[in-house]
Amino acid sequence: MNQEKNLHWVQLLRGVAALLVVLTHSRYALLGTPSWPLADQLLTPGAMGVDLFFIISGFIMYYSTAGSAGGAGEALRFLIKRFARVWPAYAIATLAAAYVLNGGFSYFDSAANRLTFLRTLAMVPADPHQAPYFGLTLVVAWTLEFEMYFYLIFAASMLFKRLRWFVLASWVLLTVILLPLGHAGLSMEVNRDHGFTARYMSIVTSPFVLEFLIGVMIGWAHRQPWLRIPGRQMPWHALGLSLSFVIFAIYSRAVEGHGPTHYGWPLALLVLVMALASKTVQIRTPALWLWMGSISYSLYLTHPVAQGLELKALQMNGLNSLWSNCWSIQLSIACALSVAALSHRYLEQGLSNKVRNVLLRLVTRRVEAPTPVAPAQAIKRRA
């Protein structure tokens, strides 16, 4: 079975995760209308797209580096590629959010706002006591802060080569379980403030990090030849059951909210089943969902700005009523997809790729540059 096609299910899940988050935020257009209670009940669980993103991210990081020997060079190249993919588009989206969603450039008149903006760009919590959202300029920025932190510890673990998976798991368990346990008591609630004074500790000790680690473990399971769902029918039955279980668990409110003990664990089960089933059967993914998966980062990153632009355009043209009726969600999705397609083309494929190539060339030149011979050594060799 073609390995690339066999991983199309990952793109499918990424597209679904991004669209779920867009739907969740789109429901606010109906706030204060008769449709709000139903929209809130149906669309609020779409926030699980964040947890799904984190699990998939851990899976992809394992899958893309499992064949690597590790070491400093590999770790640096990994970081450069991830930084270049995430940060340039993130920085532009943050600036756009400040202008479109926060009152234009007058947002920067306040020293507090300027500091929040800089902390958002630096991927540091603006207010560590507002976990997990942290009071940032861009409403979705908090998830990228967790993503970047996991890139950092993943790259650091690569320095240990064969021991990297043990080191990674040990670090996560130490910081997420043992540190909070010894400080303010263990909690799997992602909005828990453990009371650490260091700003970044609110990310380091968050249970969200466990979802990345779960994704890594699923990646490991996917790589094991002996772990699979046998037969031609059983994988499909397992997929149907796991998907039904996720829908039931979430909409029955058996699980509710972010975190590994809430949305995280049924979604992890679904991803695990898909990973194992994909080794036996081909999970066909329509071209539309492959495209959605490819633009999922841009869709997630830019949809708040797209929705803000949509509202401003409607207000300027005297069409405010369109923002608060049943068509608003469809219009919101269309605007989000349009902006995401442009972002993917010009920021991800354009700017981010250029940044990545420049940084990789700089690193390659530095590594390959000949070490100058000291004068004393040169004289000794000639003698």
Protein backbone atom coordinates (compact mmCIF):
# COMPACT_ATOMS: atom_id res chain seq x y z
CA MET A 1 0.00 0.00 0.00
CA ASN A 2 1.34 3.45 -0.96
CA GLN A 3 2.65 5.00 2.26
CA GLU A 4 1.80 8.58 1.29
CA LYS A 5 -1.80 7.67 0.47
CA ASN A 6 -1.94 5.62 3.62
CA LEU A 7 -1.37 8.80 5.65
CA HIS A 8 -4.10 10.81 3.96
CA TRP A 9 -6.21 10.15 7.04
CA VAL A 10 -3.91 12.52 8.94
CA GLN A 11 -4.78 15.33 6.53
CA LEU A 12 -8.44 14.41 6.91
CA LEU A 13 -8.22 14.77 10.69
CA ARG A 14 -6.32 18.06 10.42
CA GLY A 15 -8.98 19.48 8.13
CA VAL A 16 -11.76 18.30 10.44
CA ALA A 17 -10.00 19.75 13.50
CA ALA A 18 -9.59 23.18 11.91
CA LEU A 19 -13.17 23.28 10.63
CA LEU A 20 -14.53 22.29 14.05
CA VAL A 21 -12.77 25.25 15.67
CA VAL A 22 -14.03 27.62 12.95
CA LEU A 23 -17.59 26.40 13.55
CA THR A 24 -17.21 26.87 17.29
CA HIS A 25 -16.19 30.50 16.90
CA SER A 26 -18.77 31.13 14.15
CA ARG A 27 -21.62 30.45 16.56
CA TYR A 28 -21.09 33.83 18.27
CA ALA A 29 -22.75 35.51 15.29
CA LEU A 30 -26.01 34.08 16.63
CA LEU A 31 -25.52 35.33 20.19
CA GLY A 32 -28.70 37.03 21.41
CA THR A 33 -30.87 35.48 18.68
CA PRO A 34 -33.48 32.71 19.07
CA SER A 35 -31.03 30.36 17.32
CA TRP A 36 -28.31 30.84 19.96
CA PRO A 37 -29.23 28.02 22.40
CA LEU A 38 -29.24 25.39 19.63
CA ALA A 39 -26.11 26.78 17.97
CA ASP A 40 -24.30 26.88 21.30
CA GLN A 41 -25.28 23.30 22.13
CA LEU A 42 -24.30 21.91 18.72
CA LEU A 43 -21.16 23.90 17.98
CA THR A 44 -19.44 24.41 21.35
CA PRO A 45 -18.01 20.84 21.32
CA GLY A 46 -16.13 21.82 18.16
CA ALA A 47 -13.51 23.18 20.54
CA MET A 48 -12.28 19.57 20.68
CA GLY A 49 -10.50 20.40 17.42
CA VAL A 50 -7.72 21.92 19.55
CA ASP A 51 -7.15 18.66 21.44
CA LEU A 52 -7.26 16.74 18.16
CA PHE A 53 -4.63 19.09 16.70
CA PHE A 54 -2.30 18.47 19.65
CA ILE A 55 -2.59 14.68 19.38
CA ILE A 56 -2.02 14.76 15.61
CA SER A 57 0.97 17.06 16.09
CA GLY A 58 2.64 14.57 18.43
CA PHE A 59 1.95 11.78 15.95
CA ILE A 60 3.45 13.72 13.04
CA MET A 61 6.56 14.67 15.02
CA TYR A 62 7.22 11.03 15.87
CA TYR A 63 6.46 9.83 12.35
CA SER A 64 8.66 12.42 10.65
CA THR A 65 11.69 11.87 12.90
CA ALA A 66 11.50 8.16 13.81
CA GLY A 67 14.08 7.29 11.13
CA SER A 68 16.46 10.02 12.29
CA ALA A 69 19.52 9.14 14.38
CA GLY A 70 19.07 12.35 16.37
CA GLY A 71 21.93 14.56 17.48
CA ALA A 72 22.53 18.31 17.50
CA GLY A 73 22.38 18.79 13.74
CA GLU A 74 19.09 16.93 13.34
CA ALA A 75 17.60 18.76 16.32
CA LEU A 76 18.56 22.15 14.91
CA ARG A 77 17.16 21.36 11.47
CA PHE A 78 13.94 20.12 13.06
CA LEU A 79 13.55 23.35 15.03
CA ILE A 80 14.29 25.53 12.01
CA LYS A 81 11.68 23.76 9.89
CA ARG A 82 9.02 23.96 12.59
CA PHE A 83 9.80 27.59 13.49
CA ALA A 84 9.74 28.63 9.83
CA ARG A 85 6.43 26.90 9.26
CA VAL A 86 4.72 28.38 12.31
CA TRP A 87 6.14 31.78 13.26
CA PRO A 88 6.19 34.00 10.12
CA ALA A 89 2.48 33.44 9.42
CA TYR A 90 1.77 33.64 13.15
CA ALA A 91 3.48 37.04 13.42
CA ILE A 92 1.51 38.49 10.51
CA ALA A 93 -1.77 37.05 11.85
CA THR A 94 -1.02 38.61 15.25
CA LEU A 95 -0.45 42.03 13.67
CA ALA A 96 -3.64 41.64 11.62
CA ALA A 97 -5.59 40.68 14.75
CA ALA A 98 -4.34 43.77 16.57
CA TYR A 99 -5.60 45.96 13.73
CA VAL A 100 -8.82 44.20 12.72
CA LEU A 101 -10.06 42.87 16.07
CA ASN A 102 -8.64 45.30 18.62
CA GLY A 103 -9.48 48.78 17.38
CA GLY A 104 -6.85 49.43 14.73
CA PHE A 105 -3.44 50.90 15.43
CA SER A 106 -4.85 52.78 18.43
CA TYR A 107 -4.42 49.39 20.14
CA PHE A 108 -0.74 50.23 20.43
CA ASP A 109 -1.40 53.51 22.28
CA SER A 110 -1.54 51.56 25.52
CA ALA A 111 1.75 50.38 27.03
CA ALA A 112 -0.03 47.30 28.40
CA ASN A 113 -1.30 46.42 24.92
CA ARG A 114 2.15 46.88 23.41
CA LEU A 115 3.60 44.54 26.01
CA THR A 116 0.84 41.98 25.37
CA PHE A 117 1.52 42.21 21.63
CA LEU A 118 5.26 41.64 22.12
CA ARG A 119 4.63 38.71 24.44
CA THR A 120 2.25 37.25 21.87
CA LEU A 121 4.95 37.54 19.19
CA ALA A 122 7.49 35.96 21.55
CA MET A 123 5.04 33.12 22.30
CA VAL A 124 5.11 33.85 26.01
CA PRO A 125 1.92 34.01 28.13
CA ALA A 126 0.74 37.60 28.58
CA ASP A 127 -1.10 36.65 31.76
CA PRO A 128 0.05 33.25 33.07
CA HIS A 129 -2.81 33.21 35.58
CA GLN A 130 -5.43 33.07 32.80
CA ALA A 131 -4.62 29.51 31.73
CA PRO A 132 -4.89 28.25 29.13
CA TYR A 133 -5.74 31.33 27.02
CA PHE A 134 -3.20 33.70 28.63
CA GLY A 135 -4.82 36.98 27.49
CA LEU A 136 -3.00 37.23 24.15
CA THR A 137 -3.55 39.63 21.24
CA LEU A 138 -4.56 36.83 18.85
CA VAL A 139 -7.32 34.70 20.34
CA VAL A 140 -5.91 31.40 19.01
CA ALA A 141 -2.29 32.21 19.87
CA TRP A 142 -2.33 30.20 23.09
CA THR A 143 -2.46 26.90 21.21
CA LEU A 144 0.60 27.87 19.15
CA GLU A 145 2.48 28.63 22.36
CA PHE A 146 1.89 25.05 23.48
CA GLU A 147 2.86 23.81 20.02
CA MET A 148 6.14 25.72 20.04
CA TYR A 149 6.98 24.52 23.54
CA PHE A 150 6.55 20.92 22.46
CA TYR A 151 8.79 21.57 19.44
CA LEU A 152 11.45 22.83 21.85
CA ILE A 153 11.37 19.85 24.18
CA PHE A 154 11.07 17.45 21.25
CA ALA A 155 14.18 18.97 19.65
CA ALA A 156 16.00 18.88 23.00
CA SER A 157 15.18 15.19 23.38
CA MET A 158 16.73 14.51 19.95
CA LEU A 159 20.11 15.45 21.44
CA PHE A 160 19.97 12.18 23.40
CA LYS A 161 19.72 10.09 20.21
CA ARG A 162 18.64 6.53 21.13
CA LEU A 163 17.43 7.64 24.53
CA ARG A 164 15.33 10.51 23.18
CA TRP A 165 11.92 8.90 23.67
CA PHE A 166 12.74 7.99 27.26
CA VAL A 167 14.06 11.50 27.92
CA LEU A 168 11.01 13.12 26.31
CA ALA A 169 8.53 11.02 28.29
CA SER A 170 10.48 11.52 31.52
CA TRP A 171 10.56 15.30 31.07
CA VAL A 172 6.83 15.53 30.36
CA LEU A 173 5.91 13.34 33.34
CA LEU A 174 8.27 15.29 35.59
CA THR A 175 6.94 18.72 34.62
CA VAL A 176 3.25 17.90 34.18
CA ILE A 177 2.76 15.51 37.10
CA LEU A 178 5.56 15.67 39.66
CA LEU A 179 6.19 19.44 39.67
CA PRO A 180 2.52 20.43 40.19
CA LEU A 181 2.11 17.58 42.68
CA GLY A 182 4.89 19.01 44.82
CA HIS A 183 3.79 22.63 44.43
CA ALA A 184 0.03 23.11 44.47
CA GLY A 185 -1.37 19.62 44.01
CA LEU A 186 -1.90 17.57 40.88
CA SER A 187 -4.74 18.59 38.58
CA MET A 188 -5.63 17.56 35.04
CA GLU A 189 -7.70 20.72 34.53
CA VAL A 190 -6.08 22.91 31.87
CA ASN A 191 -7.37 26.12 33.47
CA ARG A 192 -5.72 25.34 36.82
CA ASP A 193 -3.29 28.01 38.04
CA HIS A 194 -0.49 26.19 39.85
CA GLY A 195 0.81 29.50 41.20
CA PHE A 196 4.31 29.40 39.71
CA THR A 197 5.95 32.82 39.52
CA ALA A 198 7.87 32.08 36.30
CA ARG A 199 5.60 33.08 33.41
CA TYR A 200 6.44 30.15 31.12
CA MET A 201 5.74 27.53 33.81
CA SER A 202 2.03 27.79 33.07
CA ILE A 203 2.81 26.14 29.72
CA VAL A 204 5.48 23.72 30.97
CA THR A 205 3.18 22.25 33.64
CA SER A 206 -0.04 22.19 31.60
CA PRO A 207 -1.83 18.85 31.09
CA PHE A 208 -2.13 19.83 27.42
CA VAL A 209 1.47 18.64 26.99
CA LEU A 210 0.28 15.10 27.73
CA GLU A 211 -1.81 15.20 24.55
CA PHE A 212 1.32 15.76 22.48
CA LEU A 213 2.98 12.85 24.28
CA ILE A 214 -0.06 10.66 23.60
CA GLY A 215 0.30 11.54 19.91
CA VAL A 216 3.94 10.46 20.04
CA MET A 217 2.90 7.15 21.61
CA ILE A 218 0.33 6.61 18.85
CA GLY A 219 3.08 7.32 16.32
CA TRP A 220 5.20 4.64 17.98
CA ALA A 221 2.30 2.17 17.84
CA HIS A 222 1.78 2.93 14.16
CA ARG A 223 5.43 2.07 13.43
CA GLN A 224 5.26 -1.37 15.07
CA PRO A 225 4.69 -4.10 12.43
CA TRP A 226 2.94 -6.38 14.91
CA LEU A 227 0.38 -3.75 15.98
CA ARG A 228 -2.49 -3.71 13.51
CA ILE A 229 -6.21 -4.44 13.25
CA PRO A 230 -6.47 -7.66 11.22
CA GLY A 231 -8.94 -8.57 8.51
CA ARG A 232 -10.75 -6.53 5.87
CA GLN A 233 -13.91 -5.75 7.82
CA MET A 234 -12.69 -5.42 11.40
CA PRO A 235 -10.76 -2.13 10.78
CA TRP A 236 -13.93 -0.50 9.44
CA HIS A 237 -15.99 -1.78 12.36
CA ALA A 238 -13.38 -0.43 14.78
CA LEU A 239 -13.37 2.95 13.02
CA GLY A 240 -17.16 3.18 13.13
CA LEU A 241 -17.28 2.25 16.80
CA SER A 242 -14.53 4.68 17.81
CA LEU A 243 -16.10 7.58 15.88
CA SER A 244 -19.52 6.80 17.36
CA PHE A 245 -17.99 6.67 20.82
CA VAL A 246 -16.38 10.12 20.38
CA ILE A 247 -19.67 11.65 19.24
CA PHE A 248 -21.62 9.99 22.07
CA ALA A 249 -19.06 10.84 24.78
CA ILE A 250 -18.88 14.49 23.79
CA TYR A 251 -22.53 15.25 22.99
CA SER A 252 -23.81 13.32 26.00
CA ARG A 253 -21.50 15.55 28.07
CA ALA A 254 -19.78 12.46 29.49
CA VAL A 255 -16.63 14.40 28.67
CA GLU A 256 -16.59 18.16 28.37
CA GLY A 257 -13.82 20.70 27.93
CA HIS A 258 -10.16 20.65 26.96
CA GLY A 259 -7.50 18.35 28.29
CA PRO A 260 -6.40 14.71 28.25
CA THR A 261 -9.03 13.64 30.79
CA HIS A 262 -11.82 15.42 28.89
CA TYR A 263 -11.93 15.73 25.08
CA GLY A 264 -8.44 14.29 24.82
CA TRP A 265 -8.87 10.62 25.67
CA PRO A 266 -11.79 9.67 23.35
CA LEU A 267 -10.07 11.58 20.53
CA ALA A 268 -6.81 9.75 21.28
CA LEU A 269 -8.69 6.46 20.98
CA LEU A 270 -10.06 7.54 17.59
CA VAL A 271 -6.61 8.56 16.31
CA LEU A 272 -5.10 5.28 17.56
CA VAL A 273 -7.77 3.22 15.80
CA MET A 274 -7.28 5.20 12.56
CA ALA A 275 -3.51 4.77 12.78
CA LEU A 276 -3.77 1.01 13.24
CA ALA A 277 -6.62 0.54 10.76
CA SER A 278 -4.69 2.45 8.08
CA LYS A 279 -2.05 -0.29 8.13
CA THR A 280 -4.63 -2.84 6.96
CA VAL A 281 -7.09 -0.88 4.82
CA GLN A 282 -6.81 2.30 2.79
CA ILE A 283 -8.81 5.11 4.33
CA ARG A 284 -9.77 7.06 1.23
CA THR A 285 -9.88 10.81 1.68
CA PRO A 286 -11.77 13.06 -0.77
CA ALA A 287 -9.68 15.70 -2.53
CA LEU A 288 -11.61 18.47 -0.77
CA TRP A 289 -10.54 17.16 2.64
CA LEU A 290 -6.95 16.71 1.50
CA TRP A 291 -7.00 20.38 0.55
CA MET A 292 -8.62 21.29 3.86
CA GLY A 293 -5.87 19.40 5.64
CA SER A 294 -3.17 21.20 3.68
CA ILE A 295 -4.55 24.64 4.61
CA SER A 296 -5.56 23.62 8.16
CA TYR A 297 -2.84 25.67 9.87
CA SER A 298 -3.76 28.81 7.96
CA LEU A 299 -7.47 28.13 8.48
CA TYR A 300 -7.01 27.80 12.22
CA LEU A 301 -4.62 30.75 12.48
CA THR A 302 -6.47 33.32 10.36
CA HIS A 303 -10.15 32.52 10.87
CA PRO A 304 -10.63 35.06 13.73
CA VAL A 305 -9.27 37.80 11.45
CA ALA A 306 -11.40 36.54 8.55
CA GLN A 307 -14.52 36.65 10.70
CA GLY A 308 -13.61 40.17 11.87
CA LEU A 309 -13.16 41.33 8.27
CA GLU A 310 -16.48 39.75 7.34
CA LEU A 311 -18.30 41.66 10.09
CA LYS A 312 -16.65 44.97 9.12
CA ALA A 313 -17.56 44.45 5.44
CA LEU A 314 -21.19 43.74 6.33
CA GLN A 315 -21.37 46.81 8.58
CA MET A 316 -19.85 49.06 5.90
CA ASN A 317 -22.46 47.90 3.39
CA GLY A 318 -25.44 48.11 5.73
CA LEU A 319 -25.88 44.34 5.83
CA ASN A 320 -25.65 43.82 9.59
CA SER A 321 -28.71 41.57 9.54
CA LEU A 322 -26.74 38.94 7.62
CA TRP A 323 -24.40 38.61 10.62
CA SER A 324 -27.18 37.45 12.92
CA ASN A 325 -29.18 34.96 10.87
CA CYS A 326 -28.83 31.34 9.86
CA TRP A 327 -26.66 32.27 6.86
CA SER A 328 -23.98 33.85 9.01
CA ILE A 329 -22.24 30.56 9.80
CA GLN A 330 -22.04 29.54 6.13
CA LEU A 331 -20.76 32.99 5.22
CA SER A 332 -18.24 32.85 8.06
CA ILE A 333 -16.88 29.50 6.85
CA ALA A 334 -16.62 30.78 3.28
CA CYS A 335 -14.68 33.88 4.40
CA ALA A 336 -12.41 31.80 6.64
CA LEU A 337 -11.62 29.36 3.82
CA SER A 338 -10.89 32.20 1.38
CA VAL A 339 -8.47 33.97 3.73
CA ALA A 340 -6.88 30.63 4.68
CA ALA A 341 -6.27 29.76 1.02
CA LEU A 342 -4.48 33.09 0.51
CA SER A 343 -2.49 32.65 3.72
CA HIS A 344 -1.47 29.13 2.74
CA ARG A 345 -0.34 30.28 -0.70
CA TYR A 346 1.53 33.45 0.23
CA LEU A 347 2.53 32.97 3.87
CA GLU A 348 3.01 29.21 4.30
CA GLN A 349 4.18 28.27 0.81
CA GLY A 350 5.76 31.63 0.09
CA LEU A 351 7.17 33.45 3.11
CA SER A 352 7.62 30.46 5.44
CA ASN A 353 9.43 28.40 2.81
CA LYS A 354 11.80 31.28 2.09
CA VAL A 355 12.54 31.76 5.79
CA ARG A 356 13.16 28.03 6.18
CA ASN A 357 15.51 27.88 3.19
CA VAL A 358 17.50 30.92 4.34
CA LEU A 359 17.90 29.57 7.88
CA LEU A 360 18.86 26.09 6.67
CA ARG A 361 21.48 27.57 4.32
CA LEU A 362 22.95 29.62 7.16
CA VAL A 363 23.17 26.54 9.38
CA THR A 364 24.67 24.43 6.58
CA ARG A 365 27.34 27.04 5.84
CA ARG A 366 28.20 27.31 9.52
CA VAL A 367 28.52 23.53 9.88
CA GLU A 368 30.49 23.08 6.66
CA ALA A 369 32.80 26.10 7.14
CA PRO A 370 36.44 24.93 7.49
CA THR A 371 38.02 25.41 10.90
CA PRO A 372 40.87 27.96 10.59
CA VAL A 373 44.30 26.60 11.45
CA ALA A 374 46.13 28.50 14.17
CA PRO A 375 49.44 30.09 13.00
CA ALA A 376 51.50 28.06 15.47
CA GLN A 377 49.94 24.83 14.20
CA ALA A 378 50.62 25.80 10.57
CA ILE A 379 54.31 26.55 11.28
CA LYS A 380 54.70 23.27 13.14
CA ARG A 381 53.21 21.31 10.21
CA ARG A 382 55.55 22.98 7.69
CA ALA A 383 58.62 22.33 9.88
